[in-house]
Amino acid sequence: MQKRKLGKSGLEVSALGLGCMGMSFSYGPPKDKQEMTVLLRAAVERGITFFDTAEVYGPFLNEELVGEALAPFRDRVVIATKFGFDLSPDFDPRGMKGLPGLNSRPEHIKQAAEGSLKRLKVDVIDLLYQHRVDPNVPIEDVAGAVKDLIQEGKVKHFGLSEAGVQTIRRAHAVQPVTALQSEYSLWTRTPEKEVIPALEELGIGLVPYSPLGKGFLTGKIDENAKFDSSDFRSTLPRFTPEALKANQALIDLLAGMGERKKATPAQIALAWLLAQKPWMVPIPGTTKLHRLDENNGAVSIELTPDDLRDIETAASKITVEGARYPEKLERMTGR
């Protein structure tokens, strides 16, 4: 597995990370803990060193799973987690119903970090993201709280998720931001306009989440797909039968390039991301070993400038149908 550095921070991780959310949250009921432990350890054996979790996934279940599974490999892995939601006792973790409110008050950040340290069974959090920008707390206060945690030796690196450019700049001025985590793929290209140029200027890495479009870019989901109410894709405008049918053009594009490269649509989608910038580290999630191996195969696929031009030309003629989130969740992004 190749390595990459997230921006100018010096934080080196595997070229692909592993998003762990789906093991405990959002994609149906939590998966079997023993099976997921086997998968997480298999990822380490295959060279993956970058694992992504958050206190809200479960809530808390995912951090506990990741902490326990990776404890024997602590010196070989980088674990990223997130704070920023108010996890009251009545929060319903099924799908995204009853989404908790935001809370990035400095005292809450410090409480959340203490909880994450315990659940992850670590002395220091490698990368701590603000999960969503809290409009009620100045970002300078958030960055200052994480700066305190870094000075106390409880956190190594500070990250933001789905933040807008002005927020990134203001935070970075208080405590250097190592990475921004935002959705980015061939079917969600929002960061290209303003965010990616700003990250390049500031020397901040980008961690694209949902790099396979929540499973769509694997080519295994069509308009006949049925999603259980515990799968949060059942609430997403982009996963209605009409949108899925309209967006198949993207799969045709990936499959066509896949034939040329002897690769799957998912591998082309990931290889395309890896080819964008050397400081981008996608974190595809999976609960299946064969998918983990398929995803990892993307690292050895080289897309030439001609290949990338062909993908761009074809993609420019495709209009992606459907918003990526319902309105309430969409409002939490790009602040």
Protein backbone atom coordinates (compact mmCIF):
# COMPACT_ATOMS: atom_id res chain seq x y z
CA MET A 1 0.00 0.00 0.00
CA GLN A 2 1.36 3.40 -1.01
CA LYS A 3 1.58 6.23 1.55
CA ARG A 4 0.49 9.86 1.30
CA LYS A 5 0.91 12.97 3.42
CA LEU A 6 -2.13 15.04 4.35
CA GLY A 7 -1.13 18.48 3.14
CA LYS A 8 1.96 20.03 4.73
CA SER A 9 1.21 18.62 8.18
CA GLY A 10 3.61 15.70 7.94
CA LEU A 11 0.81 13.28 8.88
CA GLU A 12 1.52 10.23 6.72
CA VAL A 13 -1.17 7.62 6.11
CA SER A 14 -2.00 4.88 3.61
CA ALA A 15 -3.17 6.21 0.21
CA LEU A 16 -6.62 4.80 0.98
CA GLY A 17 -8.13 4.85 4.44
CA LEU A 18 -11.09 2.89 5.77
CA GLY A 19 -14.36 4.59 6.70
CA CYS A 20 -15.82 2.63 9.61
CA MET A 21 -19.26 4.27 10.02
CA GLY A 22 -21.24 1.59 8.16
CA MET A 23 -20.05 -1.10 10.54
CA SER A 24 -22.22 0.38 13.31
CA PHE A 25 -24.46 3.12 11.89
CA SER A 26 -26.58 4.45 9.02
CA TYR A 27 -26.49 1.41 6.73
CA GLY A 28 -28.93 -0.85 8.58
CA PRO A 29 -28.44 -2.41 12.03
CA PRO A 30 -24.92 -2.63 13.54
CA LYS A 31 -22.93 -5.46 11.99
CA ASP A 32 -21.55 -8.42 13.94
CA LYS A 33 -18.75 -7.15 16.18
CA GLN A 34 -16.55 -10.22 15.69
CA GLU A 35 -16.83 -10.06 11.89
CA MET A 36 -16.03 -6.34 11.86
CA THR A 37 -13.03 -6.91 14.14
CA VAL A 38 -11.71 -9.48 11.65
CA LEU A 39 -12.25 -6.97 8.81
CA LEU A 40 -10.48 -4.12 10.62
CA ARG A 41 -7.48 -6.31 11.40
CA ALA A 42 -7.41 -7.61 7.82
CA ALA A 43 -7.23 -3.99 6.66
CA VAL A 44 -4.13 -3.42 8.81
CA GLU A 45 -2.51 -6.57 7.41
CA ARG A 46 -3.17 -5.23 3.91
CA GLY A 47 -1.36 -1.99 4.64
CA ILE A 48 -4.22 0.35 5.55
CA THR A 49 -3.08 2.66 8.34
CA PHE A 50 -5.86 5.30 8.36
CA PHE A 51 -9.18 4.56 10.08
CA ASP A 52 -12.13 6.95 10.37
CA THR A 53 -14.78 6.92 13.09
CA ALA A 54 -16.86 9.38 15.18
CA GLU A 55 -18.60 9.47 18.54
CA VAL A 56 -22.01 9.87 16.82
CA TYR A 57 -21.65 6.58 14.91
CA GLY A 58 -23.76 4.30 17.05
CA PRO A 59 -23.55 6.56 19.05
CA PHE A 60 -20.30 5.42 20.66
CA LEU A 61 -20.46 1.81 19.33
CA ASN A 62 -18.16 2.48 16.41
CA GLU A 63 -15.40 4.06 18.47
CA GLU A 64 -15.54 1.11 20.88
CA LEU A 65 -15.33 -1.37 17.98
CA VAL A 66 -12.42 0.45 16.32
CA GLY A 67 -10.57 0.94 19.62
CA GLU A 68 -10.81 -2.70 20.58
CA ALA A 69 -10.02 -4.12 17.12
CA LEU A 70 -7.00 -1.89 16.54
CA ALA A 71 -5.54 -1.97 20.06
CA PRO A 72 -2.86 -4.57 19.08
CA PHE A 73 -1.74 -2.34 16.18
CA ARG A 74 -1.69 1.03 17.93
CA ASP A 75 1.83 1.88 16.77
CA ARG A 76 0.94 1.12 13.13
CA VAL A 77 -2.31 3.03 12.67
CA VAL A 78 -3.74 6.56 12.58
CA ILE A 79 -7.25 6.83 14.00
CA ALA A 80 -9.41 9.86 13.23
CA THR A 81 -12.58 10.66 15.16
CA LYS A 82 -15.03 13.56 15.40
CA PHE A 83 -16.95 15.71 17.89
CA GLY A 84 -19.71 18.24 17.45
CA PHE A 85 -23.11 16.65 18.09
CA ASP A 86 -25.14 16.86 21.29
CA LEU A 87 -25.65 13.21 22.11
CA SER A 88 -28.57 13.38 24.49
CA PRO A 89 -29.95 10.10 25.91
CA ASP A 90 -33.06 10.26 23.68
CA PHE A 91 -31.06 10.41 20.42
CA ASP A 92 -32.37 7.70 18.08
CA PRO A 93 -29.42 6.12 16.29
CA ARG A 94 -31.50 4.29 13.67
CA GLY A 95 -30.61 5.74 10.30
CA MET A 96 -30.44 9.50 10.68
CA LYS A 97 -33.81 9.97 12.36
CA GLY A 98 -33.83 12.36 15.27
CA LEU A 99 -30.49 13.78 14.23
CA PRO A 100 -28.95 15.37 17.32
CA GLY A 101 -28.32 19.08 17.50
CA LEU A 102 -24.87 20.57 17.08
CA ASN A 103 -22.68 21.42 20.05
CA SER A 104 -19.12 22.64 19.61
CA ARG A 105 -18.85 24.66 22.81
CA PRO A 106 -15.26 24.38 24.08
CA GLU A 107 -16.24 22.58 27.31
CA HIS A 108 -18.26 20.06 25.27
CA ILE A 109 -15.34 19.46 22.90
CA LYS A 110 -13.10 18.62 25.85
CA GLN A 111 -15.71 16.24 27.31
CA ALA A 112 -16.16 14.57 23.91
CA ALA A 113 -12.39 14.13 23.52
CA GLU A 114 -12.14 12.46 26.94
CA GLY A 115 -14.90 10.03 25.95
CA SER A 116 -13.24 9.26 22.62
CA LEU A 117 -9.87 8.63 24.28
CA LYS A 118 -11.46 6.01 26.54
CA ARG A 119 -13.49 4.28 23.84
CA LEU A 120 -10.58 4.22 21.39
CA LYS A 121 -8.27 2.90 24.15
CA VAL A 122 -5.60 5.48 23.26
CA ASP A 123 -3.55 8.09 25.10
CA VAL A 124 -3.78 10.56 22.23
CA ILE A 125 -6.22 11.10 19.34
CA ASP A 126 -4.28 11.21 16.06
CA LEU A 127 -6.75 13.43 14.19
CA LEU A 128 -9.77 15.14 15.76
CA TYR A 129 -12.36 16.67 13.43
CA GLN A 130 -15.21 19.01 14.12
CA HIS A 131 -17.99 16.90 12.56
CA ARG A 132 -20.11 19.83 11.37
CA VAL A 133 -19.63 23.56 11.77
CA ASP A 134 -21.71 24.89 14.69
CA PRO A 135 -23.14 28.30 13.72
CA ASN A 136 -23.60 29.15 17.42
CA VAL A 137 -19.92 28.87 18.34
CA PRO A 138 -17.20 31.02 16.70
CA ILE A 139 -14.80 28.73 14.84
CA GLU A 140 -11.92 30.52 16.60
CA ASP A 141 -13.25 29.13 19.92
CA VAL A 142 -13.46 25.63 18.44
CA ALA A 143 -9.91 25.82 17.07
CA GLY A 144 -8.73 27.23 20.40
CA ALA A 145 -10.26 24.32 22.33
CA VAL A 146 -8.55 21.78 20.06
CA LYS A 147 -5.32 23.77 20.35
CA ASP A 148 -5.56 23.35 24.14
CA LEU A 149 -6.05 19.59 23.70
CA ILE A 150 -3.00 19.46 21.42
CA GLN A 151 -0.92 21.35 23.98
CA GLU A 152 -2.10 18.92 26.68
CA GLY A 153 -0.89 16.01 24.54
CA LYS A 154 -4.40 14.57 24.09
CA VAL A 155 -4.70 15.30 20.36
CA LYS A 156 -2.11 15.41 17.59
CA HIS A 157 -3.93 16.97 14.62
CA PHE A 158 -7.01 19.17 14.05
CA GLY A 159 -9.50 18.64 11.26
CA LEU A 160 -12.77 20.07 9.95
CA SER A 161 -15.61 18.37 8.09
CA GLU A 162 -17.83 19.90 5.40
CA ALA A 163 -16.65 23.42 6.31
CA GLY A 164 -16.75 26.39 3.94
CA VAL A 165 -13.64 28.28 2.83
CA GLN A 166 -13.99 31.25 5.22
CA THR A 167 -14.42 28.91 8.19
CA ILE A 168 -11.36 26.91 7.13
CA ARG A 169 -9.26 30.08 6.89
CA ARG A 170 -10.41 31.41 10.26
CA ALA A 171 -9.80 28.09 12.02
CA HIS A 172 -6.40 27.61 10.36
CA ALA A 173 -5.27 31.03 11.65
CA VAL A 174 -5.80 29.85 15.26
CA GLN A 175 -4.69 26.21 15.01
CA PRO A 176 -3.28 24.80 11.75
CA VAL A 177 -5.82 22.47 10.14
CA THR A 178 -4.30 19.17 9.01
CA ALA A 179 -7.24 17.88 6.98
CA LEU A 180 -10.70 18.70 5.74
CA GLN A 181 -13.09 15.79 5.40
CA SER A 182 -15.84 16.40 2.85
CA GLU A 183 -17.86 14.37 0.40
CA TYR A 184 -16.05 14.29 -2.93
CA SER A 185 -16.41 11.92 -5.85
CA LEU A 186 -17.36 11.92 -9.50
CA TRP A 187 -20.97 12.47 -8.46
CA THR A 188 -20.33 15.12 -5.79
CA ARG A 189 -17.84 17.64 -7.11
CA THR A 190 -18.80 20.65 -4.99
CA PRO A 191 -15.33 21.04 -3.36
CA GLU A 192 -13.66 21.72 -6.72
CA LYS A 193 -14.90 25.28 -7.09
CA GLU A 194 -13.53 26.98 -3.96
CA VAL A 195 -12.49 24.47 -1.34
CA ILE A 196 -9.78 22.49 -3.13
CA PRO A 197 -7.90 25.63 -4.32
CA ALA A 198 -7.99 27.01 -0.75
CA LEU A 199 -6.71 23.72 0.70
CA GLU A 200 -3.86 23.70 -1.80
CA GLU A 201 -2.95 27.28 -0.91
CA LEU A 202 -3.01 26.57 2.85
CA GLY A 203 -1.32 23.15 2.70
CA ILE A 204 -4.32 21.25 4.12
CA GLY A 205 -5.09 17.67 3.10
CA LEU A 206 -8.49 16.52 1.80
CA VAL A 207 -10.10 13.30 3.03
CA PRO A 208 -12.97 12.51 0.63
CA TYR A 209 -15.72 10.55 2.38
CA SER A 210 -18.34 8.59 0.42
CA PRO A 211 -15.81 8.39 -2.45
CA LEU A 212 -18.00 5.65 -3.97
CA GLY A 213 -21.18 7.70 -3.69
CA LYS A 214 -22.57 5.73 -0.72
CA GLY A 215 -22.25 2.58 -2.81
CA PHE A 216 -23.75 3.93 -6.03
CA LEU A 217 -20.45 4.18 -7.93
CA THR A 218 -19.80 0.45 -7.46
CA GLY A 219 -22.37 -0.13 -10.21
CA LYS A 220 -24.32 -2.53 -7.98
CA ILE A 221 -27.26 -0.18 -7.28
CA ASP A 222 -29.96 0.54 -9.88
CA GLU A 223 -33.48 1.98 -9.83
CA ASN A 224 -34.84 -1.32 -8.48
CA ALA A 225 -32.74 -1.08 -5.30
CA LYS A 226 -34.76 -1.24 -2.07
CA PHE A 227 -33.45 0.39 1.10
CA ASP A 228 -34.69 -0.56 4.56
CA SER A 229 -35.89 2.30 6.80
CA SER A 230 -32.79 1.71 8.98
CA ASP A 231 -30.60 2.54 5.94
CA PHE A 232 -30.25 6.31 5.71
CA ARG A 233 -30.05 6.13 1.92
CA SER A 234 -33.85 5.62 2.08
CA THR A 235 -34.05 9.33 3.03
CA LEU A 236 -31.70 10.70 0.37
CA PRO A 237 -33.12 12.46 -2.73
CA ARG A 238 -30.31 11.02 -4.86
CA PHE A 239 -31.42 7.47 -4.03
CA THR A 240 -35.00 7.69 -5.29
CA PRO A 241 -35.69 5.26 -8.16
CA GLU A 242 -35.95 8.18 -10.62
CA ALA A 243 -32.58 9.66 -9.59
CA LEU A 244 -30.86 6.26 -9.56
CA LYS A 245 -32.10 5.61 -13.09
CA ALA A 246 -31.02 9.03 -14.36
CA ASN A 247 -27.57 8.72 -12.76
CA GLN A 248 -26.72 5.36 -14.38
CA ALA A 249 -24.88 7.38 -17.05
CA LEU A 250 -22.08 7.83 -14.51
CA ILE A 251 -21.83 4.06 -14.03
CA ASP A 252 -21.64 3.58 -17.79
CA LEU A 253 -18.74 6.04 -17.88
CA LEU A 254 -16.87 4.24 -15.08
CA ALA A 255 -17.57 0.80 -16.56
CA GLY A 256 -16.28 1.92 -19.96
CA MET A 257 -13.00 3.13 -18.47
CA GLY A 258 -12.91 -0.03 -16.36
CA GLU A 259 -12.95 -2.17 -19.49
CA ARG A 260 -10.00 -0.20 -20.81
CA LYS A 261 -8.07 -0.67 -17.55
CA LYS A 262 -9.31 -4.16 -16.58
CA ALA A 263 -10.83 -2.65 -13.44
CA THR A 264 -14.24 -2.34 -11.76
CA PRO A 265 -16.30 0.89 -11.71
CA ALA A 266 -15.45 1.31 -8.00
CA GLN A 267 -11.73 1.02 -8.72
CA ILE A 268 -11.93 3.64 -11.48
CA ALA A 269 -13.90 6.00 -9.19
CA LEU A 270 -11.21 5.71 -6.50
CA ALA A 271 -8.31 5.90 -8.96
CA TRP A 272 -9.84 9.10 -10.36
CA LEU A 273 -9.84 10.65 -6.89
CA LEU A 274 -6.26 9.53 -6.18
CA ALA A 275 -5.19 11.15 -9.46
CA GLN A 276 -6.65 14.56 -8.54
CA LYS A 277 -4.07 15.64 -5.92
CA PRO A 278 -1.28 13.80 -4.05
CA TRP A 279 -2.61 15.15 -0.73
CA MET A 280 -6.05 13.55 -1.03
CA VAL A 281 -6.79 10.33 0.88
CA PRO A 282 -10.22 8.80 0.16
CA ILE A 283 -11.82 6.69 2.90
CA PRO A 284 -14.20 4.21 1.28
CA GLY A 285 -16.23 2.28 3.82
CA THR A 286 -17.10 -1.39 3.61
CA THR A 287 -18.20 -4.30 5.77
CA LYS A 288 -16.99 -6.98 3.33
CA LEU A 289 -13.49 -8.34 2.84
CA HIS A 290 -13.80 -8.79 -0.93
CA ARG A 291 -14.86 -5.14 -1.27
CA LEU A 292 -11.88 -4.06 0.86
CA ASP A 293 -9.59 -5.93 -1.54
CA GLU A 294 -11.38 -4.49 -4.57
CA ASN A 295 -11.03 -0.95 -3.23
CA ASN A 296 -7.36 -1.43 -2.40
CA GLY A 297 -6.77 -2.52 -5.99
CA ALA A 298 -7.51 1.05 -7.09
CA VAL A 299 -4.16 2.22 -5.72
CA SER A 300 -2.25 0.37 -8.44
CA ILE A 301 -4.41 1.65 -11.32
CA GLU A 302 -2.74 4.47 -13.21
CA LEU A 303 -4.99 6.83 -15.09
CA THR A 304 -3.00 8.66 -17.78
CA PRO A 305 -3.63 12.31 -18.67
CA ASP A 306 -5.58 11.01 -21.69
CA ASP A 307 -7.70 8.74 -19.47
CA LEU A 308 -8.43 11.63 -17.10
CA ARG A 309 -9.32 13.90 -20.03
CA ASP A 310 -11.70 11.28 -21.41
CA ILE A 311 -13.39 10.89 -18.01
CA GLU A 312 -13.70 14.68 -17.68
CA THR A 313 -15.16 15.08 -21.16
CA ALA A 314 -17.75 12.38 -20.57
CA ALA A 315 -18.56 13.55 -17.02
CA SER A 316 -19.10 17.14 -18.18
CA LYS A 317 -22.05 15.94 -20.29
CA ILE A 318 -23.75 14.22 -17.33
CA THR A 319 -26.02 16.13 -14.96
CA VAL A 320 -26.30 14.36 -11.62
CA GLU A 321 -29.95 14.18 -10.53
CA GLY A 322 -31.09 14.64 -6.93
CA ALA A 323 -29.72 16.53 -3.92
CA ARG A 324 -27.17 14.57 -1.90
CA TYR A 325 -28.95 15.20 1.42
CA PRO A 326 -32.41 16.20 2.66
CA GLU A 327 -32.60 19.93 3.31
CA LYS A 328 -31.89 19.76 7.07
CA LEU A 329 -28.63 17.86 6.54
CA GLU A 330 -27.66 19.93 3.52
CA ARG A 331 -27.89 23.08 5.63
CA MET A 332 -25.16 21.66 7.89
CA THR A 333 -22.61 21.65 5.04
CA GLY A 334 -20.46 24.38 3.51
CA ARG A 335 -20.81 26.80 6.45
